Amino acid sequence: MTLPRIAISTGDPAGVGPDVVLTALQDPWPAELVVIADQDLLAQRAELLSIEVHLQSAPDSVQTPQPHTPGSVRVQHQPLATAVTPGLGEPRNAAGTLKALDQAIDGCRNGSFQAMVTAPVNKAVISDSGVPFSGHTEYLAEETGTEQVVMLLTGGDLRVALATTHIPLKAVPNAINTELLTTILHTMHRDLQSKFTLTAPRISVLGLNPHAGEGGHLGHEDSAIIAPAIAQAQAMGIQASGPWPADTAFNTRLRKETDAYLAMYHDQGLPVLKYASFGAAVNVTLGLPIVRTSVDHGTAYDLAGTGNADDSSFRAALQLAIDLAQKRSR
């Protein structure tokens, strides 16, 4: 089997992205890894962390991928506008951060890379640079021309997808509708089959309101919007169930009958997943024409350059990207 070539974007240069990438690449990996970043940044961060690395230019994409050599970092140089101080977000470097992301996306689309892994960015820093930015997921959807993407986090035996992502809580009820939820369930079903090789994935859908609306006494969205979407998905052959009250949906019995959950908003399902596997969970974007995984944490400015950043989530994201890329090549 041909080894996959994986693109890695280091995210916000002032955050822990460069730290976790450099640390994880001290070990062997069954793939060729190409880090898209400012080479000087990597050299400076490695020195600060007392990590010995051998930086070299990334090979031409037509060459046969070679397994990663510990301590060797293949770099596709993307210069930054100004010097980086760990822990201090700099809007002037946002353009370089996005260009690195664009290079990874383009490489995945043209076949140079078989998957991409992203380290965290700071949405506020990028937005302060004058570029409206609500998150990696939304940016990837726009850049690939994908109408509907789904953010899914996986950790241990849990998979949680989101119907809405980075929007205010008060905007959630108006953001969901039956058509949207049916489309999301279809995307989940398809990608759980194709990317996670689940033959008949079982999807448990959470209600929006407490007690899933309690028969309309605590809100109408569960019966008027979510339940019809589940029924439509079932008619399409999708094993969807619910709406389940979010406060009991993660009990042992239902978890045994669930391959993935669909939560209505960011902080409904993710606290459970992150409590169970924070630091080892992986963010996967479903619906894209490419494979993309990411860490489950933010830029952690307070840890950048200290040597105290935990690279567990990045390692998990990288391993999952390799696994998914290999499955697609079969």
C-alpha atoms as a PDB file:
ATOM      1  CA  MET A   1       0.000   0.000   0.000  1.00  0.00           C
ATOM      2  CA  THR A   2       1.338   3.447  -0.949  1.00  0.00           C
ATOM      3  CA  LEU A   3       1.952   5.625   2.067  1.00  0.00           C
ATOM      4  CA  PRO A   4      -0.254   8.721   2.286  1.00  0.00           C
ATOM      5  CA  ARG A   5       1.208  12.206   2.173  1.00  0.00           C
ATOM      6  CA  ILE A   6      -0.349  14.355   4.902  1.00  0.00           C
ATOM      7  CA  ALA A   7      -0.362  18.164   5.045  1.00  0.00           C
ATOM      8  CA  ILE A   8      -0.048  19.816   8.447  1.00  0.00           C
ATOM      9  CA  SER A   9      -0.891  23.456   9.123  1.00  0.00           C
ATOM     10  CA  THR A  10       0.516  24.757  12.398  1.00  0.00           C
ATOM     11  CA  GLY A  11      -2.314  27.228  13.028  1.00  0.00           C
ATOM     12  CA  ASP A  12      -1.762  30.428  14.952  1.00  0.00           C
ATOM     13  CA  PRO A  13       2.017  30.893  15.073  1.00  0.00           C
ATOM     14  CA  ALA A  14       1.783  32.401  18.573  1.00  0.00           C
ATOM     15  CA  GLY A  15      -0.165  29.438  19.936  1.00  0.00           C
ATOM     16  CA  VAL A  16       0.709  25.844  20.802  1.00  0.00           C
ATOM     17  CA  GLY A  17       0.288  24.599  17.230  1.00  0.00           C
ATOM     18  CA  PRO A  18       4.024  24.719  16.390  1.00  0.00           C
ATOM     19  CA  ASP A  19       4.826  23.159  19.779  1.00  0.00           C
ATOM     20  CA  VAL A  20       2.592  20.095  19.438  1.00  0.00           C
ATOM     21  CA  VAL A  21       3.605  19.549  15.808  1.00  0.00           C
ATOM     22  CA  LEU A  22       7.324  19.648  16.552  1.00  0.00           C
ATOM     23  CA  THR A  23       6.913  17.397  19.587  1.00  0.00           C
ATOM     24  CA  ALA A  24       4.795  14.782  17.815  1.00  0.00           C
ATOM     25  CA  LEU A  25       7.162  14.660  14.847  1.00  0.00           C
ATOM     26  CA  GLN A  26       9.940  13.413  17.097  1.00  0.00           C
ATOM     27  CA  ASP A  27       8.384   9.965  16.685  1.00  0.00           C
ATOM     28  CA  PRO A  28       7.965   7.739  13.590  1.00  0.00           C
ATOM     29  CA  TRP A  29       4.726   7.872  11.598  1.00  0.00           C
ATOM     30  CA  PRO A  30       3.495   5.616   8.761  1.00  0.00           C
ATOM     31  CA  ALA A  31       3.086   8.516   6.341  1.00  0.00           C
ATOM     32  CA  GLU A  32       5.005  11.328   4.716  1.00  0.00           C
ATOM     33  CA  LEU A  33       4.312  14.495   6.681  1.00  0.00           C
ATOM     34  CA  VAL A  34       4.592  17.959   5.165  1.00  0.00           C
ATOM     35  CA  VAL A  35       4.402  20.918   7.531  1.00  0.00           C
ATOM     36  CA  ILE A  36       3.174  24.110   5.874  1.00  0.00           C
ATOM     37  CA  ALA A  37       4.565  26.935   7.980  1.00  0.00           C
ATOM     38  CA  ASP A  38       7.230  29.596   8.292  1.00  0.00           C
ATOM     39  CA  GLN A  39      10.542  27.724   8.470  1.00  0.00           C
ATOM     40  CA  ASP A  40      12.108  30.365  10.713  1.00  0.00           C
ATOM     41  CA  LEU A  41       9.188  30.054  13.136  1.00  0.00           C
ATOM     42  CA  LEU A  42       9.725  26.297  13.390  1.00  0.00           C
ATOM     43  CA  ALA A  43      13.453  26.708  13.961  1.00  0.00           C
ATOM     44  CA  GLN A  44      12.923  29.360  16.645  1.00  0.00           C
ATOM     45  CA  ARG A  45      10.211  27.385  18.451  1.00  0.00           C
ATOM     46  CA  ALA A  46      12.304  24.208  18.353  1.00  0.00           C
ATOM     47  CA  GLU A  47      15.221  26.079  19.927  1.00  0.00           C
ATOM     48  CA  LEU A  48      12.946  27.547  22.589  1.00  0.00           C
ATOM     49  CA  LEU A  49      11.624  24.064  23.409  1.00  0.00           C
ATOM     50  CA  SER A  50      15.105  22.477  23.262  1.00  0.00           C
ATOM     51  CA  ILE A  51      13.947  20.116  20.515  1.00  0.00           C
ATOM     52  CA  GLU A  52      16.481  18.958  17.952  1.00  0.00           C
ATOM     53  CA  VAL A  53      14.961  18.992  14.476  1.00  0.00           C
ATOM     54  CA  HIS A  54      16.255  18.712  10.952  1.00  0.00           C
ATOM     55  CA  LEU A  55      14.281  21.097   8.750  1.00  0.00           C
ATOM     56  CA  GLN A  56      14.270  20.305   5.058  1.00  0.00           C
ATOM     57  CA  SER A  57      12.294  21.420   2.040  1.00  0.00           C
ATOM     58  CA  ALA A  58       9.244  19.333   1.224  1.00  0.00           C
ATOM     59  CA  PRO A  59       9.784  16.917  -1.681  1.00  0.00           C
ATOM     60  CA  ASP A  60       8.015  17.278  -4.995  1.00  0.00           C
ATOM     61  CA  SER A  61       4.516  15.826  -4.868  1.00  0.00           C
ATOM     62  CA  VAL A  62       5.262  13.478  -7.803  1.00  0.00           C
ATOM     63  CA  GLN A  63       7.850  11.605  -5.750  1.00  0.00           C
ATOM     64  CA  THR A  64       6.799   8.455  -3.915  1.00  0.00           C
ATOM     65  CA  PRO A  65       5.933   9.322  -0.295  1.00  0.00           C
ATOM     66  CA  GLN A  66       8.433   8.148   2.298  1.00  0.00           C
ATOM     67  CA  PRO A  67       7.656   7.300   5.943  1.00  0.00           C
ATOM     68  CA  HIS A  68       8.339  10.055   8.423  1.00  0.00           C
ATOM     69  CA  THR A  69      11.796  10.062   9.975  1.00  0.00           C
ATOM     70  CA  PRO A  70      11.775  11.056  13.680  1.00  0.00           C
ATOM     71  CA  GLY A  71      13.156  14.539  14.206  1.00  0.00           C
ATOM     72  CA  SER A  72      13.062  15.393  10.519  1.00  0.00           C
ATOM     73  CA  VAL A  73      10.532  17.996   9.423  1.00  0.00           C
ATOM     74  CA  ARG A  74       9.654  18.419   5.763  1.00  0.00           C
ATOM     75  CA  VAL A  75       8.612  22.054   5.378  1.00  0.00           C
ATOM     76  CA  GLN A  76       6.604  23.800   2.710  1.00  0.00           C
ATOM     77  CA  HIS A  77       7.669  27.343   3.546  1.00  0.00           C
ATOM     78  CA  GLN A  78       4.940  29.935   4.031  1.00  0.00           C
ATOM     79  CA  PRO A  79       6.477  33.160   5.375  1.00  0.00           C
ATOM     80  CA  LEU A  80       4.867  35.275   8.049  1.00  0.00           C
ATOM     81  CA  ALA A  81       4.646  39.057   7.947  1.00  0.00           C
ATOM     82  CA  THR A  82       6.306  39.781  11.278  1.00  0.00           C
ATOM     83  CA  ALA A  83       8.188  38.180  14.148  1.00  0.00           C
ATOM     84  CA  VAL A  84       6.290  35.881  16.494  1.00  0.00           C
ATOM     85  CA  THR A  85       6.126  36.175  20.264  1.00  0.00           C
ATOM     86  CA  PRO A  86       4.703  33.003  21.822  1.00  0.00           C
ATOM     87  CA  GLY A  87       1.426  33.794  23.553  1.00  0.00           C
ATOM     88  CA  LEU A  88       0.840  37.066  21.732  1.00  0.00           C
ATOM     89  CA  GLY A  89      -1.614  36.855  18.843  1.00  0.00           C
ATOM     90  CA  GLU A  90      -0.656  39.100  15.934  1.00  0.00           C
ATOM     91  CA  PRO A  91      -3.282  40.047  13.296  1.00  0.00           C
ATOM     92  CA  ARG A  92      -0.503  40.912  10.812  1.00  0.00           C
ATOM     93  CA  ASN A  93       0.349  37.209  10.655  1.00  0.00           C
ATOM     94  CA  ALA A  94      -3.221  36.126   9.942  1.00  0.00           C
ATOM     95  CA  ALA A  95      -2.706  36.291   6.180  1.00  0.00           C
ATOM     96  CA  GLY A  96       0.209  33.862   6.388  1.00  0.00           C
ATOM     97  CA  THR A  97      -1.825  31.529   8.577  1.00  0.00           C
ATOM     98  CA  LEU A  98      -4.653  31.457   6.039  1.00  0.00           C
ATOM     99  CA  LYS A  99      -2.263  31.037   3.090  1.00  0.00           C
ATOM    100  CA  ALA A 100      -0.804  27.944   4.764  1.00  0.00           C
ATOM    101  CA  LEU A 101      -4.320  26.610   5.205  1.00  0.00           C
ATOM    102  CA  ASP A 102      -5.109  27.372   1.555  1.00  0.00           C
ATOM    103  CA  GLN A 103      -2.016  25.475   0.415  1.00  0.00           C
ATOM    104  CA  ALA A 104      -3.103  22.423   2.382  1.00  0.00           C
ATOM    105  CA  ILE A 105      -6.623  22.612   0.941  1.00  0.00           C
ATOM    106  CA  ASP A 106      -5.344  23.031  -2.623  1.00  0.00           C
ATOM    107  CA  GLY A 107      -2.922  20.138  -2.197  1.00  0.00           C
ATOM    108  CA  CYS A 108      -5.681  17.851  -0.937  1.00  0.00           C
ATOM    109  CA  ARG A 109      -7.931  18.813  -3.816  1.00  0.00           C
ATOM    110  CA  ASN A 110      -5.330  18.223  -6.522  1.00  0.00           C
ATOM    111  CA  GLY A 111      -4.123  14.954  -5.034  1.00  0.00           C
ATOM    112  CA  SER A 112      -0.725  16.137  -3.771  1.00  0.00           C
ATOM    113  CA  PHE A 113      -1.915  15.362  -0.237  1.00  0.00           C
ATOM    114  CA  GLN A 114      -4.276  12.607   0.854  1.00  0.00           C
ATOM    115  CA  ALA A 115      -5.381  14.396   4.033  1.00  0.00           C
ATOM    116  CA  MET A 116      -4.739  17.492   6.112  1.00  0.00           C
ATOM    117  CA  VAL A 117      -4.399  18.084   9.845  1.00  0.00           C
ATOM    118  CA  THR A 118      -4.928  21.534  11.313  1.00  0.00           C
ATOM    119  CA  ALA A 119      -3.575  22.991  14.531  1.00  0.00           C
ATOM    120  CA  PRO A 120      -5.746  25.618  16.279  1.00  0.00           C
ATOM    121  CA  VAL A 121      -6.205  29.198  15.139  1.00  0.00           C
ATOM    122  CA  ASN A 122      -7.586  32.202  16.988  1.00  0.00           C
ATOM    123  CA  LYS A 123     -10.790  33.381  15.327  1.00  0.00           C
ATOM    124  CA  ALA A 124     -10.581  36.839  16.924  1.00  0.00           C
ATOM    125  CA  VAL A 125      -7.022  37.446  15.715  1.00  0.00           C
ATOM    126  CA  ILE A 126      -7.937  36.535  12.134  1.00  0.00           C
ATOM    127  CA  SER A 127     -11.110  38.633  12.259  1.00  0.00           C
ATOM    128  CA  ASP A 128      -9.116  41.567  13.669  1.00  0.00           C
ATOM    129  CA  SER A 129      -6.933  41.375  10.551  1.00  0.00           C
ATOM    130  CA  GLY A 130      -9.966  42.336   8.475  1.00  0.00           C
ATOM    131  CA  VAL A 131     -10.922  38.850   7.309  1.00  0.00           C
ATOM    132  CA  PRO A 132     -14.306  37.659   8.619  1.00  0.00           C
ATOM    133  CA  PHE A 133     -13.604  34.227  10.119  1.00  0.00           C
ATOM    134  CA  SER A 134     -15.933  32.042  12.177  1.00  0.00           C
ATOM    135  CA  GLY A 135     -13.835  28.897  12.227  1.00  0.00           C
ATOM    136  CA  HIS A 136     -11.904  26.255  10.307  1.00  0.00           C
ATOM    137  CA  THR A 137     -15.050  24.287   9.490  1.00  0.00           C
ATOM    138  CA  GLU A 138     -16.842  27.162   7.827  1.00  0.00           C
ATOM    139  CA  TYR A 139     -13.685  28.298   6.023  1.00  0.00           C
ATOM    140  CA  LEU A 140     -13.067  24.821   4.614  1.00  0.00           C
ATOM    141  CA  ALA A 141     -16.651  24.627   3.382  1.00  0.00           C
ATOM    142  CA  GLU A 142     -16.330  27.951   1.551  1.00  0.00           C
ATOM    143  CA  GLU A 143     -12.922  27.191   0.059  1.00  0.00           C
ATOM    144  CA  THR A 144     -13.993  23.786  -1.247  1.00  0.00           C
ATOM    145  CA  GLY A 145     -17.408  24.978  -2.438  1.00  0.00           C
ATOM    146  CA  THR A 146     -19.160  22.531  -0.130  1.00  0.00           C
ATOM    147  CA  GLU A 147     -22.749  23.495   0.614  1.00  0.00           C
ATOM    148  CA  GLN A 148     -23.152  21.431   3.769  1.00  0.00           C
ATOM    149  CA  VAL A 149     -20.396  20.347   6.140  1.00  0.00           C
ATOM    150  CA  VAL A 150     -20.731  18.832   9.582  1.00  0.00           C
ATOM    151  CA  MET A 151     -18.384  19.228  12.524  1.00  0.00           C
ATOM    152  CA  LEU A 152     -17.900  15.906  14.303  1.00  0.00           C
ATOM    153  CA  LEU A 153     -15.692  15.268  17.295  1.00  0.00           C
ATOM    154  CA  THR A 154     -14.623  11.760  18.149  1.00  0.00           C
ATOM    155  CA  GLY A 155     -12.914  10.453  21.250  1.00  0.00           C
ATOM    156  CA  GLY A 156     -12.859   6.938  22.641  1.00  0.00           C
ATOM    157  CA  ASP A 157     -16.201   5.338  21.837  1.00  0.00           C
ATOM    158  CA  LEU A 158     -18.005   8.666  21.456  1.00  0.00           C
ATOM    159  CA  ARG A 159     -18.763  10.588  18.263  1.00  0.00           C
ATOM    160  CA  VAL A 160     -20.693  13.856  18.490  1.00  0.00           C
ATOM    161  CA  ALA A 161     -21.722  15.948  15.482  1.00  0.00           C
ATOM    162  CA  LEU A 162     -23.149  19.468  15.572  1.00  0.00           C
ATOM    163  CA  ALA A 163     -26.157  20.857  13.736  1.00  0.00           C
ATOM    164  CA  THR A 164     -24.895  24.402  14.381  1.00  0.00           C
ATOM    165  CA  THR A 165     -21.362  25.447  15.245  1.00  0.00           C
ATOM    166  CA  HIS A 166     -20.009  28.858  16.176  1.00  0.00           C
ATOM    167  CA  ILE A 167     -23.121  30.970  16.565  1.00  0.00           C
ATOM    168  CA  PRO A 168     -24.715  32.632  19.609  1.00  0.00           C
ATOM    169  CA  LEU A 169     -27.015  30.398  21.619  1.00  0.00           C
ATOM    170  CA  LYS A 170     -29.960  32.726  21.019  1.00  0.00           C
ATOM    171  CA  ALA A 171     -29.569  32.204  17.261  1.00  0.00           C
ATOM    172  CA  VAL A 172     -29.802  28.395  17.410  1.00  0.00           C
ATOM    173  CA  PRO A 173     -33.627  27.960  17.306  1.00  0.00           C
ATOM    174  CA  ASN A 174     -33.889  30.018  14.130  1.00  0.00           C
ATOM    175  CA  ALA A 175     -30.863  28.326  12.568  1.00  0.00           C
ATOM    176  CA  ILE A 176     -32.263  24.802  12.592  1.00  0.00           C
ATOM    177  CA  ASN A 177     -35.005  23.540  10.283  1.00  0.00           C
ATOM    178  CA  THR A 178     -36.192  20.169   9.087  1.00  0.00           C
ATOM    179  CA  GLU A 179     -34.450  20.390   5.711  1.00  0.00           C
ATOM    180  CA  LEU A 180     -31.117  21.282   7.311  1.00  0.00           C
ATOM    181  CA  LEU A 181     -31.279  18.468   9.846  1.00  0.00           C
ATOM    182  CA  THR A 182     -32.286  15.930   7.204  1.00  0.00           C
ATOM    183  CA  THR A 183     -29.320  16.985   5.071  1.00  0.00           C
ATOM    184  CA  ILE A 184     -26.951  16.751   8.054  1.00  0.00           C
ATOM    185  CA  LEU A 185     -28.227  13.266   8.908  1.00  0.00           C
ATOM    186  CA  HIS A 186     -27.656  12.206   5.306  1.00  0.00           C
ATOM    187  CA  THR A 187     -24.105  13.623   5.372  1.00  0.00           C
ATOM    188  CA  MET A 188     -23.370  11.886   8.663  1.00  0.00           C
ATOM    189  CA  HIS A 189     -24.758   8.583   7.401  1.00  0.00           C
ATOM    190  CA  ARG A 190     -22.718   8.746   4.179  1.00  0.00           C
ATOM    191  CA  ASP A 191     -19.413   9.735   5.800  1.00  0.00           C
ATOM    192  CA  LEU A 192     -19.761   7.350   8.739  1.00  0.00           C
ATOM    193  CA  GLN A 193     -20.053   4.630   6.109  1.00  0.00           C
ATOM    194  CA  SER A 194     -17.322   5.847   3.755  1.00  0.00           C
ATOM    195  CA  LYS A 195     -14.788   7.281   6.221  1.00  0.00           C
ATOM    196  CA  PHE A 196     -15.409   5.233   9.343  1.00  0.00           C
ATOM    197  CA  THR A 197     -16.504   2.043   7.535  1.00  0.00           C
ATOM    198  CA  LEU A 198     -19.679   1.650   9.595  1.00  0.00           C
ATOM    199  CA  THR A 199     -22.071  -0.429   7.500  1.00  0.00           C
ATOM    200  CA  ALA A 200     -25.304   0.820   9.084  1.00  0.00           C
ATOM    201  CA  PRO A 201     -24.431   3.725  11.406  1.00  0.00           C
ATOM    202  CA  ARG A 202     -26.876   4.421  14.223  1.00  0.00           C
ATOM    203  CA  ILE A 203     -27.421   8.116  14.881  1.00  0.00           C
ATOM    204  CA  SER A 204     -29.085   9.388  18.055  1.00  0.00           C
ATOM    205  CA  VAL A 205     -30.469  12.908  17.676  1.00  0.00           C
ATOM    206  CA  LEU A 206     -30.667  15.232  20.680  1.00  0.00           C
ATOM    207  CA  GLY A 207     -33.652  17.466  21.307  1.00  0.00           C
ATOM    208  CA  LEU A 208     -33.191  21.221  21.473  1.00  0.00           C
ATOM    209  CA  ASN A 209     -35.190  21.960  24.615  1.00  0.00           C
ATOM    210  CA  PRO A 210     -35.080  20.448  28.103  1.00  0.00           C
ATOM    211  CA  HIS A 211     -36.723  17.005  28.114  1.00  0.00           C
ATOM    212  CA  ALA A 212     -36.871  17.268  24.293  1.00  0.00           C
ATOM    213  CA  GLY A 213     -39.678  19.800  24.633  1.00  0.00           C
ATOM    214  CA  GLU A 214     -41.807  17.681  26.983  1.00  0.00           C
ATOM    215  CA  GLY A 215     -44.695  17.350  24.559  1.00  0.00           C
ATOM    216  CA  GLY A 216     -44.558  21.010  23.551  1.00  0.00           C
ATOM    217  CA  HIS A 217     -44.694  22.430  27.067  1.00  0.00           C
ATOM    218  CA  LEU A 218     -41.004  23.414  26.929  1.00  0.00           C
ATOM    219  CA  GLY A 219     -40.780  24.402  23.266  1.00  0.00           C
ATOM    220  CA  HIS A 220     -42.138  23.306  19.903  1.00  0.00           C
ATOM    221  CA  GLU A 221     -38.903  22.780  17.940  1.00  0.00           C
ATOM    222  CA  ASP A 222     -38.467  19.157  18.996  1.00  0.00           C
ATOM    223  CA  SER A 223     -41.842  17.992  17.674  1.00  0.00           C
ATOM    224  CA  ALA A 224     -42.223  20.454  14.793  1.00  0.00           C
ATOM    225  CA  ILE A 225     -38.653  20.475  13.384  1.00  0.00           C
ATOM    226  CA  ILE A 226     -36.435  17.717  14.757  1.00  0.00           C
ATOM    227  CA  ALA A 227     -38.888  14.795  14.807  1.00  0.00           C
ATOM    228  CA  PRO A 228     -39.939  15.297  11.140  1.00  0.00           C
ATOM    229  CA  ALA A 229     -36.254  15.380  10.114  1.00  0.00           C
ATOM    230  CA  ILE A 230     -35.676  12.075  11.879  1.00  0.00           C
ATOM    231  CA  ALA A 231     -38.731  10.600  10.143  1.00  0.00           C
ATOM    232  CA  GLN A 232     -37.495  11.776   6.742  1.00  0.00           C
ATOM    233  CA  ALA A 233     -34.057  10.316   7.417  1.00  0.00           C
ATOM    234  CA  GLN A 234     -35.603   7.013   8.437  1.00  0.00           C
ATOM    235  CA  ALA A 235     -37.574   6.972   5.184  1.00  0.00           C
ATOM    236  CA  MET A 236     -34.229   7.299   3.372  1.00  0.00           C
ATOM    237  CA  GLY A 237     -32.923   4.187   5.124  1.00  0.00           C
ATOM    238  CA  ILE A 238     -30.929   6.032   7.781  1.00  0.00           C
ATOM    239  CA  GLN A 239     -30.951   4.581  11.285  1.00  0.00           C
ATOM    240  CA  ALA A 240     -31.746   7.811  13.120  1.00  0.00           C
ATOM    241  CA  SER A 241     -33.633   7.972  16.415  1.00  0.00           C
ATOM    242  CA  GLY A 242     -34.892  10.625  18.818  1.00  0.00           C
ATOM    243  CA  PRO A 243     -35.221  13.384  19.649  1.00  0.00           C
ATOM    244  CA  TRP A 244     -33.614  12.328  22.919  1.00  0.00           C
ATOM    245  CA  PRO A 245     -33.422  14.579  25.995  1.00  0.00           C
ATOM    246  CA  ALA A 246     -29.826  15.788  26.090  1.00  0.00           C
ATOM    247  CA  ASP A 247     -29.472  15.280  29.838  1.00  0.00           C
ATOM    248  CA  THR A 248     -30.025  11.507  29.580  1.00  0.00           C
ATOM    249  CA  ALA A 249     -28.975  10.739  25.994  1.00  0.00           C
ATOM    250  CA  PHE A 250     -25.445   9.762  26.979  1.00  0.00           C
ATOM    251  CA  ASN A 251     -26.513   7.066  29.434  1.00  0.00           C
ATOM    252  CA  THR A 252     -24.915   3.640  29.135  1.00  0.00           C
ATOM    253  CA  ARG A 253     -27.885   1.973  27.431  1.00  0.00           C
ATOM    254  CA  LEU A 254     -28.279   4.502  24.621  1.00  0.00           C
ATOM    255  CA  ARG A 255     -24.522   4.790  24.106  1.00  0.00           C
ATOM    256  CA  LYS A 256     -24.421   1.061  23.375  1.00  0.00           C
ATOM    257  CA  GLU A 257     -27.039   1.621  20.669  1.00  0.00           C
ATOM    258  CA  THR A 258     -25.376   4.712  19.170  1.00  0.00           C
ATOM    259  CA  ASP A 259     -22.527   5.132  16.695  1.00  0.00           C
ATOM    260  CA  ALA A 260     -22.807   8.934  16.603  1.00  0.00           C
ATOM    261  CA  TYR A 261     -24.872  11.649  18.229  1.00  0.00           C
ATOM    262  CA  LEU A 262     -26.230  14.763  16.551  1.00  0.00           C
ATOM    263  CA  ALA A 263     -26.380  17.725  18.944  1.00  0.00           C
ATOM    264  CA  MET A 264     -28.253  20.895  18.096  1.00  0.00           C
ATOM    265  CA  TYR A 265     -25.561  23.317  19.277  1.00  0.00           C
ATOM    266  CA  HIS A 266     -21.899  23.502  20.230  1.00  0.00           C
ATOM    267  CA  ASP A 267     -22.149  23.402  24.013  1.00  0.00           C
ATOM    268  CA  GLN A 268     -24.899  20.795  24.115  1.00  0.00           C
ATOM    269  CA  GLY A 269     -22.912  17.747  23.062  1.00  0.00           C
ATOM    270  CA  LEU A 270     -19.249  18.726  23.263  1.00  0.00           C
ATOM    271  CA  PRO A 271     -18.978  19.125  27.054  1.00  0.00           C
ATOM    272  CA  VAL A 272     -19.821  15.431  27.419  1.00  0.00           C
ATOM    273  CA  LEU A 273     -17.278  14.364  24.810  1.00  0.00           C
ATOM    274  CA  LYS A 274     -14.540  16.624  26.120  1.00  0.00           C
ATOM    275  CA  TYR A 275     -15.162  15.506  29.690  1.00  0.00           C
ATOM    276  CA  ALA A 276     -14.732  11.916  28.555  1.00  0.00           C
ATOM    277  CA  SER A 277     -11.688  12.409  26.326  1.00  0.00           C
ATOM    278  CA  PHE A 278     -10.291  15.947  26.452  1.00  0.00           C
ATOM    279  CA  GLY A 279      -6.772  16.038  25.099  1.00  0.00           C
ATOM    280  CA  ALA A 280      -7.324  12.922  23.023  1.00  0.00           C
ATOM    281  CA  ALA A 281     -10.400  13.866  20.993  1.00  0.00           C
ATOM    282  CA  VAL A 282     -10.297  14.705  17.291  1.00  0.00           C
ATOM    283  CA  ASN A 283     -12.317  17.134  15.206  1.00  0.00           C
ATOM    284  CA  VAL A 284     -13.330  15.715  11.816  1.00  0.00           C
ATOM    285  CA  THR A 285     -15.120  17.719   9.124  1.00  0.00           C
ATOM    286  CA  LEU A 286     -17.762  15.574   7.415  1.00  0.00           C
ATOM    287  CA  GLY A 287     -19.119  16.385   3.973  1.00  0.00           C
ATOM    288  CA  LEU A 288     -15.889  17.731   2.486  1.00  0.00           C
ATOM    289  CA  PRO A 289     -14.401  16.281  -0.703  1.00  0.00           C
ATOM    290  CA  ILE A 290     -11.133  15.984   1.251  1.00  0.00           C
ATOM    291  CA  VAL A 291     -10.033  14.453   4.560  1.00  0.00           C
ATOM    292  CA  ARG A 292      -9.471  16.966   7.334  1.00  0.00           C
ATOM    293  CA  THR A 293      -8.882  16.358  11.030  1.00  0.00           C
ATOM    294  CA  SER A 294      -7.952  18.732  13.815  1.00  0.00           C
ATOM    295  CA  VAL A 295      -7.266  18.995  17.526  1.00  0.00           C
ATOM    296  CA  ASP A 296     -10.005  19.408  20.120  1.00  0.00           C
ATOM    297  CA  HIS A 297      -8.452  22.454  21.830  1.00  0.00           C
ATOM    298  CA  GLY A 298      -7.629  26.087  21.199  1.00  0.00           C
ATOM    299  CA  THR A 299      -4.417  28.059  20.814  1.00  0.00           C
ATOM    300  CA  ALA A 300      -3.564  27.917  24.559  1.00  0.00           C
ATOM    301  CA  TYR A 301      -1.435  31.047  24.411  1.00  0.00           C
ATOM    302  CA  ASP A 302      -0.404  30.602  28.046  1.00  0.00           C
ATOM    303  CA  LEU A 303       1.334  27.320  27.186  1.00  0.00           C
ATOM    304  CA  ALA A 304       2.974  28.347  23.905  1.00  0.00           C
ATOM    305  CA  GLY A 305       6.744  28.046  24.027  1.00  0.00           C
ATOM    306  CA  THR A 306       6.761  26.699  27.603  1.00  0.00           C
ATOM    307  CA  GLY A 307       7.227  23.016  26.816  1.00  0.00           C
ATOM    308  CA  ASN A 308       4.058  22.216  28.784  1.00  0.00           C
ATOM    309  CA  ALA A 309       1.651  21.825  25.868  1.00  0.00           C
ATOM    310  CA  ASP A 310       0.036  18.385  25.591  1.00  0.00           C
ATOM    311  CA  ASP A 311       0.333  16.966  22.076  1.00  0.00           C
ATOM    312  CA  SER A 312      -2.093  14.051  22.665  1.00  0.00           C
ATOM    313  CA  SER A 313      -4.953  15.510  20.636  1.00  0.00           C
ATOM    314  CA  PHE A 314      -2.667  16.394  17.734  1.00  0.00           C
ATOM    315  CA  ARG A 315      -1.256  12.880  17.736  1.00  0.00           C
ATOM    316  CA  ALA A 316      -4.776  11.453  17.701  1.00  0.00           C
ATOM    317  CA  ALA A 317      -5.777  13.805  14.873  1.00  0.00           C
ATOM    318  CA  LEU A 318      -2.714  12.859  12.838  1.00  0.00           C
ATOM    319  CA  GLN A 319      -3.265   9.136  13.339  1.00  0.00           C
ATOM    320  CA  LEU A 320      -6.929   9.419  12.347  1.00  0.00           C
ATOM    321  CA  ALA A 321      -5.987  11.421   9.227  1.00  0.00           C
ATOM    322  CA  ILE A 322      -3.550   8.677   8.241  1.00  0.00           C
ATOM    323  CA  ASP A 323      -6.160   5.978   8.873  1.00  0.00           C
ATOM    324  CA  LEU A 324      -8.858   7.778   6.884  1.00  0.00           C
ATOM    325  CA  ALA A 325      -6.452   8.495   4.009  1.00  0.00           C
ATOM    326  CA  GLN A 326      -5.469   4.851   3.815  1.00  0.00           C
ATOM    327  CA  LYS A 327      -9.125   3.749   3.783  1.00  0.00           C
ATOM    328  CA  ARG A 328      -9.865   6.098   0.897  1.00  0.00           C
ATOM    329  CA  SER A 329      -6.974   4.675  -1.118  1.00  0.00           C
ATOM    330  CA  ARG A 330      -8.229   1.084  -0.885  1.00  0.00           C
END
